[in-house]
Each structure stands twice: as C-alpha cells, then as structure tokens.
Amino acid sequence: MTENEKNQTMQFSISKDKRTANEILLSVYSSMQEKGYDAVNQIVGYLLCGDPTYITSYNNARFLISMLERDELLEELVRFYMTNNQKKRDED
C-alpha cells in the first residue's frame, strides 16, 4: 500500500432499502392518513425539527422515513413541486 493510499478515507456503505424518497413519502403519507392524522402537518413537523415521533409507527412508517436524511426528503418535495408546476406553466 502506498503512502497516498494510506491517507485516503475508506468508505463504508450499508445497503438501504431500495425504495426511493418518493415511494417512502407516499407510503408514510398513506399510513398517516389511515391512522387519522393530518399527514401534511405531521410530515412538516418532522421535517422542521427531526423528531421521529411526528410520524406514526403504523406500517413501519417511522422506520421508513428515518432511512432518508431530511434534506433528501426536502429535495424530493421541491423537485416534485417544481417539475409539476413547470409543466402547468408551460401548458398555459
């Protein structure tokens, strides 16, 4: 092993569930609604403070949402919003 190789940082990766941020958000949203929660408000609460208790454990929703970083979830939400609103704007 060369001196340069000794100084490089090794990366370790645990494979996560292959579900996308979109799939996870939809699943969590559905679980929240099934339990009678205001899903949008609960997810916003989670995104703002990171407290997982905003998300129900029903259908493993809390575990699923914790598989992603909050910034990944926000990125997915903004991407979806911008993509869909750009399409509407282009149609007008």
PDB file of N, CA and C in Angstrom:
ATOM      1  N   MET A   1       0.857  -1.183   0.000  1.00  0.00           N
ATOM      2  CA  MET A   1       0.000   0.000   0.000  1.00  0.00           C
ATOM      3  C   MET A   1       0.896   1.237   0.000  1.00  0.00           C
ATOM      4  N   THR A   2       0.590   2.150  -0.902  1.00  0.00           N
ATOM      5  CA  THR A   2       1.397   3.367  -0.996  1.00  0.00           C
ATOM      6  C   THR A   2       0.999   4.349   0.098  1.00  0.00           C
ATOM      7  N   GLU A   3       1.843   5.323   0.304  1.00  0.00           N
ATOM      8  CA  GLU A   3       1.570   6.349   1.322  1.00  0.00           C
ATOM      9  C   GLU A   3       0.276   7.105   0.993  1.00  0.00           C
ATOM     10  N   ASN A   4       0.037   7.367  -0.293  1.00  0.00           N
ATOM     11  CA  ASN A   4      -1.177   8.059  -0.722  1.00  0.00           C
ATOM     12  C   ASN A   4      -2.419   7.227  -0.382  1.00  0.00           C
ATOM     13  N   GLU A   5      -2.355   5.936  -0.612  1.00  0.00           N
ATOM     14  CA  GLU A   5      -3.486   5.056  -0.313  1.00  0.00           C
ATOM     15  C   GLU A   5      -3.770   4.999   1.186  1.00  0.00           C
ATOM     16  N   LYS A   6      -2.721   5.081   2.003  1.00  0.00           N
ATOM     17  CA  LYS A   6      -2.893   5.064   3.458  1.00  0.00           C
ATOM     18  C   LYS A   6      -3.630   6.301   3.952  1.00  0.00           C
ATOM     19  N   ASN A   7      -3.456   7.421   3.239  1.00  0.00           N
ATOM     20  CA  ASN A   7      -4.061   8.682   3.658  1.00  0.00           C
ATOM     21  C   ASN A   7      -5.479   8.890   3.138  1.00  0.00           C
ATOM     22  N   GLN A   8      -5.923   8.012   2.249  1.00  0.00           N
ATOM     23  CA  GLN A   8      -7.274   8.168   1.704  1.00  0.00           C
ATOM     24  C   GLN A   8      -8.303   7.613   2.678  1.00  0.00           C
ATOM     25  N   THR A   9      -9.431   8.259   2.714  1.00  0.00           N
ATOM     26  CA  THR A   9     -10.516   7.818   3.583  1.00  0.00           C
ATOM     27  C   THR A   9     -11.256   6.668   2.930  1.00  0.00           C
ATOM     28  N   MET A  10     -11.429   5.619   3.688  1.00  0.00           N
ATOM     29  CA  MET A  10     -12.200   4.474   3.207  1.00  0.00           C
ATOM     30  C   MET A  10     -13.680   4.793   3.382  1.00  0.00           C
ATOM     31  N   GLN A  11     -14.498   4.281   2.486  1.00  0.00           N
ATOM     32  CA  GLN A  11     -15.936   4.495   2.589  1.00  0.00           C
ATOM     33  C   GLN A  11     -16.614   3.182   2.917  1.00  0.00           C
ATOM     34  N   PHE A  12     -17.540   3.249   3.840  1.00  0.00           N
ATOM     35  CA  PHE A  12     -18.319   2.083   4.234  1.00  0.00           C
ATOM     36  C   PHE A  12     -19.772   2.383   3.929  1.00  0.00           C
ATOM     37  N   SER A  13     -20.429   1.445   3.340  1.00  0.00           N
ATOM     38  CA  SER A  13     -21.817   1.674   2.962  1.00  0.00           C
ATOM     39  C   SER A  13     -22.653   0.462   3.318  1.00  0.00           C
ATOM     40  N   ILE A  14     -23.737   0.707   4.009  1.00  0.00           N
ATOM     41  CA  ILE A  14     -24.712  -0.332   4.293  1.00  0.00           C
ATOM     42  C   ILE A  14     -25.839  -0.140   3.303  1.00  0.00           C
ATOM     43  N   SER A  15     -26.179  -1.194   2.596  1.00  0.00           N
ATOM     44  CA  SER A  15     -27.238  -1.036   1.602  1.00  0.00           C
ATOM     45  C   SER A  15     -28.561  -0.759   2.302  1.00  0.00           C
ATOM     46  N   LYS A  16     -29.221   0.252   1.823  1.00  0.00           N
ATOM     47  CA  LYS A  16     -30.525   0.629   2.355  1.00  0.00           C
ATOM     48  C   LYS A  16     -31.602  -0.029   1.527  1.00  0.00           C
ATOM     49  N   ASP A  17     -32.795   0.011   2.052  1.00  0.00           N
ATOM     50  CA  ASP A  17     -33.939  -0.432   1.278  1.00  0.00           C
ATOM     51  C   ASP A  17     -33.894   0.334  -0.040  1.00  0.00           C
ATOM     52  N   LYS A  18     -34.219  -0.305  -1.111  1.00  0.00           N
ATOM     53  CA  LYS A  18     -34.103   0.299  -2.434  1.00  0.00           C
ATOM     54  C   LYS A  18     -35.251   1.261  -2.755  1.00  0.00           C
ATOM     55  N   ARG A  19     -36.098   1.517  -1.806  1.00  0.00           N
ATOM     56  CA  ARG A  19     -37.212   2.421  -2.058  1.00  0.00           C
ATOM     57  C   ARG A  19     -36.707   3.842  -2.217  1.00  0.00           C
ATOM     58  N   THR A  20     -37.337   4.563  -3.123  1.00  0.00           N
ATOM     59  CA  THR A  20     -36.944   5.947  -3.375  1.00  0.00           C
ATOM     60  C   THR A  20     -37.597   6.875  -2.359  1.00  0.00           C
ATOM     61  N   ALA A  21     -37.113   8.104  -2.310  1.00  0.00           N
ATOM     62  CA  ALA A  21     -37.700   9.110  -1.423  1.00  0.00           C
ATOM     63  C   ALA A  21     -39.170   9.300  -1.757  1.00  0.00           C
ATOM     64  N   ASN A  22     -39.489   9.283  -3.032  1.00  0.00           N
ATOM     65  CA  ASN A  22     -40.876   9.441  -3.472  1.00  0.00           C
ATOM     66  C   ASN A  22     -41.744   8.323  -2.899  1.00  0.00           C
ATOM     67  N   GLU A  23     -41.296   7.090  -3.041  1.00  0.00           N
ATOM     68  CA  GLU A  23     -42.060   5.944  -2.541  1.00  0.00           C
ATOM     69  C   GLU A  23     -42.226   6.000  -1.027  1.00  0.00           C
ATOM     70  N   ILE A  24     -41.165   6.373  -0.349  1.00  0.00           N
ATOM     71  CA  ILE A  24     -41.227   6.458   1.113  1.00  0.00           C
ATOM     72  C   ILE A  24     -42.196   7.539   1.545  1.00  0.00           C
ATOM     73  N   LEU A  25     -42.125   8.712   0.938  1.00  0.00           N
ATOM     74  CA  LEU A  25     -43.052   9.790   1.300  1.00  0.00           C
ATOM     75  C   LEU A  25     -44.502   9.386   1.064  1.00  0.00           C
ATOM     76  N   LEU A  26     -44.769   8.746  -0.060  1.00  0.00           N
ATOM     77  CA  LEU A  26     -46.133   8.321  -0.348  1.00  0.00           C
ATOM     78  C   LEU A  26     -46.613   7.269   0.644  1.00  0.00           C
ATOM     79  N   SER A  27     -45.749   6.355   1.006  1.00  0.00           N
ATOM     80  CA  SER A  27     -46.097   5.311   1.968  1.00  0.00           C
ATOM     81  C   SER A  27     -46.363   5.906   3.355  1.00  0.00           C
ATOM     82  N   VAL A  28     -45.494   6.799   3.782  1.00  0.00           N
ATOM     83  CA  VAL A  28     -45.660   7.455   5.091  1.00  0.00           C
ATOM     84  C   VAL A  28     -46.938   8.282   5.096  1.00  0.00           C
ATOM     85  N   TYR A  29     -47.169   9.022   4.037  1.00  0.00           N
ATOM     86  CA  TYR A  29     -48.386   9.837   3.919  1.00  0.00           C
ATOM     87  C   TYR A  29     -49.627   8.965   4.045  1.00  0.00           C
ATOM     88  N   SER A  30     -49.631   7.856   3.344  1.00  0.00           N
ATOM     89  CA  SER A  30     -50.762   6.932   3.371  1.00  0.00           C
ATOM     90  C   SER A  30     -50.982   6.367   4.777  1.00  0.00           C
ATOM     91  N   SER A  31     -49.908   5.972   5.429  1.00  0.00           N
ATOM     92  CA  SER A  31     -50.009   5.430   6.785  1.00  0.00           C
ATOM     93  C   SER A  31     -50.544   6.474   7.757  1.00  0.00           C
ATOM     94  N   MET A  32     -50.089   7.716   7.607  1.00  0.00           N
ATOM     95  CA  MET A  32     -50.551   8.790   8.488  1.00  0.00           C
ATOM     96  C   MET A  32     -52.051   9.022   8.295  1.00  0.00           C
ATOM     97  N   GLN A  33     -52.496   9.024   7.046  1.00  0.00           N
ATOM     98  CA  GLN A  33     -53.916   9.221   6.773  1.00  0.00           C
ATOM     99  C   GLN A  33     -54.751   8.072   7.322  1.00  0.00           C
ATOM    100  N   GLU A  34     -54.276   6.851   7.134  1.00  0.00           N
ATOM    101  CA  GLU A  34     -55.008   5.685   7.636  1.00  0.00           C
ATOM    102  C   GLU A  34     -55.211   5.759   9.136  1.00  0.00           C
ATOM    103  N   LYS A  35     -54.252   6.319   9.853  1.00  0.00           N
ATOM    104  CA  LYS A  35     -54.368   6.441  11.302  1.00  0.00           C
ATOM    105  C   LYS A  35     -55.148   7.695  11.729  1.00  0.00           C
ATOM    106  N   GLY A  36     -55.563   8.499  10.754  1.00  0.00           N
ATOM    107  CA  GLY A  36     -56.391   9.665  11.064  1.00  0.00           C
ATOM    108  C   GLY A  36     -55.627  10.943  11.350  1.00  0.00           C
ATOM    109  N   TYR A  37     -54.339  10.955  11.074  1.00  0.00           N
ATOM    110  CA  TYR A  37     -53.543  12.158  11.297  1.00  0.00           C
ATOM    111  C   TYR A  37     -53.626  13.094  10.090  1.00  0.00           C
ATOM    112  N   ASP A  38     -53.368  14.359  10.322  1.00  0.00           N
ATOM    113  CA  ASP A  38     -53.195  15.316   9.231  1.00  0.00           C
ATOM    114  C   ASP A  38     -51.786  15.076   8.708  1.00  0.00           C
ATOM    115  N   ALA A  39     -51.685  14.268   7.677  1.00  0.00           N
ATOM    116  CA  ALA A  39     -50.393  13.787   7.194  1.00  0.00           C
ATOM    117  C   ALA A  39     -49.445  14.919   6.806  1.00  0.00           C
ATOM    118  N   VAL A  40     -49.957  15.932   6.145  1.00  0.00           N
ATOM    119  CA  VAL A  40     -49.101  17.038   5.717  1.00  0.00           C
ATOM    120  C   VAL A  40     -48.500  17.733   6.929  1.00  0.00           C
ATOM    121  N   ASN A  41     -49.326  18.069   7.909  1.00  0.00           N
ATOM    122  CA  ASN A  41     -48.818  18.754   9.097  1.00  0.00           C
ATOM    123  C   ASN A  41     -47.810  17.909   9.859  1.00  0.00           C
ATOM    124  N   GLN A  42     -48.067  16.628   9.970  1.00  0.00           N
ATOM    125  CA  GLN A  42     -47.161  15.746  10.704  1.00  0.00           C
ATOM    126  C   GLN A  42     -45.814  15.628   9.989  1.00  0.00           C
ATOM    127  N   ILE A  43     -45.841  15.491   8.678  1.00  0.00           N
ATOM    128  CA  ILE A  43     -44.587  15.382   7.920  1.00  0.00           C
ATOM    129  C   ILE A  43     -43.814  16.694   7.988  1.00  0.00           C
ATOM    130  N   VAL A  44     -44.516  17.820   7.905  1.00  0.00           N
ATOM    131  CA  VAL A  44     -43.855  19.123   8.043  1.00  0.00           C
ATOM    132  C   VAL A  44     -43.197  19.236   9.413  1.00  0.00           C
ATOM    133  N   GLY A  45     -43.902  18.823  10.450  1.00  0.00           N
ATOM    134  CA  GLY A  45     -43.324  18.838  11.797  1.00  0.00           C
ATOM    135  C   GLY A  45     -42.048  18.026  11.867  1.00  0.00           C
ATOM    136  N   TYR A  46     -42.081  16.859  11.268  1.00  0.00           N
ATOM    137  CA  TYR A  46     -40.884  16.008  11.242  1.00  0.00           C
ATOM    138  C   TYR A  46     -39.747  16.687  10.482  1.00  0.00           C
ATOM    139  N   LEU A  47     -40.049  17.251   9.334  1.00  0.00           N
ATOM    140  CA  LEU A  47     -39.014  17.885   8.520  1.00  0.00           C
ATOM    141  C   LEU A  47     -38.394  19.091   9.219  1.00  0.00           C
ATOM    142  N   LEU A  48     -39.202  19.837   9.957  1.00  0.00           N
ATOM    143  CA  LEU A  48     -38.694  21.029  10.630  1.00  0.00           C
ATOM    144  C   LEU A  48     -37.792  20.715  11.814  1.00  0.00           C
ATOM    145  N   CYS A  49     -38.168  19.727  12.610  1.00  0.00           N
ATOM    146  CA  CYS A  49     -37.393  19.500  13.832  1.00  0.00           C
ATOM    147  C   CYS A  49     -36.676  18.157  13.895  1.00  0.00           C
ATOM    148  N   GLY A  50     -37.038  17.218  13.036  1.00  0.00           N
ATOM    149  CA  GLY A  50     -36.360  15.931  13.027  1.00  0.00           C
ATOM    150  C   GLY A  50     -36.828  14.949  14.073  1.00  0.00           C
ATOM    151  N   ASP A  51     -37.859  15.303  14.812  1.00  0.00           N
ATOM    152  CA  ASP A  51     -38.377  14.419  15.858  1.00  0.00           C
ATOM    153  C   ASP A  51     -39.217  13.321  15.207  1.00  0.00           C
ATOM    154  N   PRO A  52     -38.772  12.067  15.284  1.00  0.00           N
ATOM    155  CA  PRO A  52     -39.489  10.981  14.618  1.00  0.00           C
ATOM    156  C   PRO A  52     -40.869  10.685  15.203  1.00  0.00           C
ATOM    157  N   THR A  53     -41.161  11.220  16.379  1.00  0.00           N
ATOM    158  CA  THR A  53     -42.475  10.954  16.967  1.00  0.00           C
ATOM    159  C   THR A  53     -43.605  11.670  16.229  1.00  0.00           C
ATOM    160  N   TYR A  54     -43.262  12.556  15.305  1.00  0.00           N
ATOM    161  CA  TYR A  54     -44.292  13.163  14.464  1.00  0.00           C
ATOM    162  C   TYR A  54     -44.857  12.148  13.469  1.00  0.00           C
ATOM    163  N   ILE A  55     -44.126  11.054  13.257  1.00  0.00           N
ATOM    164  CA  ILE A  55     -44.511  10.041  12.284  1.00  0.00           C
ATOM    165  C   ILE A  55     -44.983   8.790  13.019  1.00  0.00           C
ATOM    166  N   THR A  56     -46.111   8.259  12.596  1.00  0.00           N
ATOM    167  CA  THR A  56     -46.649   7.054  13.217  1.00  0.00           C
ATOM    168  C   THR A  56     -45.735   5.857  12.964  1.00  0.00           C
ATOM    169  N   SER A  57     -45.761   4.921  13.874  1.00  0.00           N
ATOM    170  CA  SER A  57     -45.003   3.682  13.658  1.00  0.00           C
ATOM    171  C   SER A  57     -45.840   2.672  12.877  1.00  0.00           C
ATOM    172  N   TYR A  58     -47.097   3.001  12.633  1.00  0.00           N
ATOM    173  CA  TYR A  58     -48.006   2.141  11.872  1.00  0.00           C
ATOM    174  C   TYR A  58     -47.424   1.854  10.486  1.00  0.00           C
ATOM    175  N   ASN A  59     -47.500   0.619  10.064  1.00  0.00           N
ATOM    176  CA  ASN A  59     -46.959   0.175   8.769  1.00  0.00           C
ATOM    177  C   ASN A  59     -45.471   0.477   8.612  1.00  0.00           C
ATOM    178  N   ASN A  60     -44.777   0.585   9.743  1.00  0.00           N
ATOM    179  CA  ASN A  60     -43.322   0.829   9.715  1.00  0.00           C
ATOM    180  C   ASN A  60     -42.954   2.193   9.133  1.00  0.00           C
ATOM    181  N   ALA A  61     -43.898   3.136   9.161  1.00  0.00           N
ATOM    182  CA  ALA A  61     -43.685   4.453   8.551  1.00  0.00           C
ATOM    183  C   ALA A  61     -42.525   5.205   9.192  1.00  0.00           C
ATOM    184  N   ARG A  62     -42.409   5.133  10.509  1.00  0.00           N
ATOM    185  CA  ARG A  62     -41.339   5.855  11.204  1.00  0.00           C
ATOM    186  C   ARG A  62     -39.969   5.317  10.782  1.00  0.00           C
ATOM    187  N   PHE A  63     -39.867   4.013  10.685  1.00  0.00           N
ATOM    188  CA  PHE A  63     -38.606   3.413  10.242  1.00  0.00           C
ATOM    189  C   PHE A  63     -38.285   3.827   8.810  1.00  0.00           C
ATOM    190  N   LEU A  64     -39.283   3.770   7.948  1.00  0.00           N
ATOM    191  CA  LEU A  64     -39.058   4.112   6.542  1.00  0.00           C
ATOM    192  C   LEU A  64     -38.559   5.539   6.379  1.00  0.00           C
ATOM    193  N   ILE A  65     -39.220   6.474   7.048  1.00  0.00           N
ATOM    194  CA  ILE A  65     -38.827   7.878   6.866  1.00  0.00           C
ATOM    195  C   ILE A  65     -37.446   8.144   7.459  1.00  0.00           C
ATOM    196  N   SER A  66     -37.079   7.371   8.476  1.00  0.00           N
ATOM    197  CA  SER A  66     -35.758   7.560   9.084  1.00  0.00           C
ATOM    198  C   SER A  66     -34.634   7.000   8.214  1.00  0.00           C
ATOM    199  N   MET A  67     -34.974   6.256   7.180  1.00  0.00           N
ATOM    200  CA  MET A  67     -33.958   5.722   6.271  1.00  0.00           C
ATOM    201  C   MET A  67     -33.352   6.807   5.388  1.00  0.00           C
ATOM    202  N   LEU A  68     -34.030   7.928   5.305  1.00  0.00           N
ATOM    203  CA  LEU A  68     -33.553   9.036   4.474  1.00  0.00           C
ATOM    204  C   LEU A  68     -33.231  10.233   5.351  1.00  0.00           C
ATOM    205  N   GLU A  69     -32.278  11.003   4.918  1.00  0.00           N
ATOM    206  CA  GLU A  69     -31.973  12.262   5.590  1.00  0.00           C
ATOM    207  C   GLU A  69     -33.088  13.253   5.273  1.00  0.00           C
ATOM    208  N   ARG A  70     -33.345  14.166   6.192  1.00  0.00           N
ATOM    209  CA  ARG A  70     -34.406  15.146   5.959  1.00  0.00           C
ATOM    210  C   ARG A  70     -34.129  15.992   4.723  1.00  0.00           C
ATOM    211  N   ASP A  71     -32.868  16.294   4.451  1.00  0.00           N
ATOM    212  CA  ASP A  71     -32.569  17.087   3.257  1.00  0.00           C
ATOM    213  C   ASP A  71     -32.904  16.313   1.986  1.00  0.00           C
ATOM    214  N   GLU A  72     -32.786  14.981   2.005  1.00  0.00           N
ATOM    215  CA  GLU A  72     -33.182  14.174   0.850  1.00  0.00           C
ATOM    216  C   GLU A  72     -34.690  14.264   0.626  1.00  0.00           C
ATOM    217  N   LEU A  73     -35.440  14.244   1.728  1.00  0.00           N
ATOM    218  CA  LEU A  73     -36.894  14.355   1.629  1.00  0.00           C
ATOM    219  C   LEU A  73     -37.298  15.727   1.112  1.00  0.00           C
ATOM    220  N   LEU A  74     -36.671  16.767   1.630  1.00  0.00           N
ATOM    221  CA  LEU A  74     -36.968  18.126   1.162  1.00  0.00           C
ATOM    222  C   LEU A  74     -36.608  18.284  -0.316  1.00  0.00           C
ATOM    223  N   GLU A  75     -35.487  17.717  -0.713  1.00  0.00           N
ATOM    224  CA  GLU A  75     -35.082  17.777  -2.113  1.00  0.00           C
ATOM    225  C   GLU A  75     -36.130  17.114  -3.008  1.00  0.00           C
ATOM    226  N   GLU A  76     -36.633  15.978  -2.589  1.00  0.00           N
ATOM    227  CA  GLU A  76     -37.658  15.278  -3.362  1.00  0.00           C
ATOM    228  C   GLU A  76     -38.927  16.115  -3.464  1.00  0.00           C
ATOM    229  N   LEU A  77     -39.332  16.733  -2.359  1.00  0.00           N
ATOM    230  CA  LEU A  77     -40.541  17.554  -2.358  1.00  0.00           C
ATOM    231  C   LEU A  77     -40.395  18.767  -3.272  1.00  0.00           C
ATOM    232  N   VAL A  78     -39.257  19.432  -3.202  1.00  0.00           N
ATOM    233  CA  VAL A  78     -39.036  20.610  -4.046  1.00  0.00           C
ATOM    234  C   VAL A  78     -38.966  20.199  -5.514  1.00  0.00           C
ATOM    235  N   ARG A  79     -38.265  19.098  -5.802  1.00  0.00           N
ATOM    236  CA  ARG A  79     -38.164  18.620  -7.181  1.00  0.00           C
ATOM    237  C   ARG A  79     -39.548  18.319  -7.750  1.00  0.00           C
ATOM    238  N   PHE A  80     -40.357  17.612  -6.979  1.00  0.00           N
ATOM    239  CA  PHE A  80     -41.702  17.266  -7.426  1.00  0.00           C
ATOM    240  C   PHE A  80     -42.535  18.525  -7.660  1.00  0.00           C
ATOM    241  N   TYR A  81     -42.493  19.448  -6.723  1.00  0.00           N
ATOM    242  CA  TYR A  81     -43.257  20.686  -6.831  1.00  0.00           C
ATOM    243  C   TYR A  81     -42.838  21.477  -8.066  1.00  0.00           C
ATOM    244  N   MET A  82     -41.539  21.643  -8.241  1.00  0.00           N
ATOM    245  CA  MET A  82     -41.047  22.442  -9.362  1.00  0.00           C
ATOM    246  C   MET A  82     -41.353  21.772 -10.697  1.00  0.00           C
ATOM    247  N   THR A  83     -41.167  20.481 -10.783  1.00  0.00           N
ATOM    248  CA  THR A  83     -41.430  19.756 -12.024  1.00  0.00           C
ATOM    249  C   THR A  83     -42.890  19.870 -12.410  1.00  0.00           C
ATOM    250  N   ASN A  84     -43.783  19.664 -11.461  1.00  0.00           N
ATOM    251  CA  ASN A  84     -45.204  19.701 -11.760  1.00  0.00           C
ATOM    252  C   ASN A  84     -45.707  21.109 -12.047  1.00  0.00           C
ATOM    253  N   ASN A  85     -45.175  22.092 -11.375  1.00  0.00           N
ATOM    254  CA  ASN A  85     -45.605  23.453 -11.632  1.00  0.00           C
ATOM    255  C   ASN A  85     -45.006  24.015 -12.911  1.00  0.00           C
ATOM    256  N   GLN A  86     -43.840  23.555 -13.277  1.00  0.00           N
ATOM    257  CA  GLN A  86     -43.238  23.986 -14.539  1.00  0.00           C
ATOM    258  C   GLN A  86     -44.065  23.448 -15.702  1.00  0.00           C
ATOM    259  N   LYS A  87     -44.533  22.215 -15.596  1.00  0.00           N
ATOM    260  CA  LYS A  87     -45.376  21.627 -16.643  1.00  0.00           C
ATOM    261  C   LYS A  87     -46.662  22.427 -16.810  1.00  0.00           C
ATOM    262  N   LYS A  88     -47.280  22.804 -15.693  1.00  0.00           N
ATOM    263  CA  LYS A  88     -48.510  23.592 -15.740  1.00  0.00           C
ATOM    264  C   LYS A  88     -48.248  24.946 -16.388  1.00  0.00           C
ATOM    265  N   ARG A  89     -47.136  25.554 -16.008  1.00  0.00           N
ATOM    266  CA  ARG A  89     -46.793  26.868 -16.541  1.00  0.00           C
ATOM    267  C   ARG A  89     -46.529  26.804 -18.039  1.00  0.00           C
ATOM    268  N   ASP A  90     -45.868  25.737 -18.479  1.00  0.00           N
ATOM    269  CA  ASP A  90     -45.577  25.575 -19.903  1.00  0.00           C
ATOM    270  C   ASP A  90     -46.851  25.336 -20.718  1.00  0.00           C
ATOM    271  N   GLU A  91     -47.844  24.744 -20.092  1.00  0.00           N
ATOM    272  CA  GLU A  91     -49.102  24.471 -20.786  1.00  0.00           C
ATOM    273  C   GLU A  91     -49.929  25.731 -20.976  1.00  0.00           C
ATOM    274  N   ASP A  92     -49.739  26.714 -20.111  1.00  0.00           N
ATOM    275  CA  ASP A  92     -50.529  27.960 -20.196  1.00  0.00           C
ATOM    276  C   ASP A  92     -50.089  28.880 -21.282  1.00  0.00           C
TER     277      ASP A  92
END
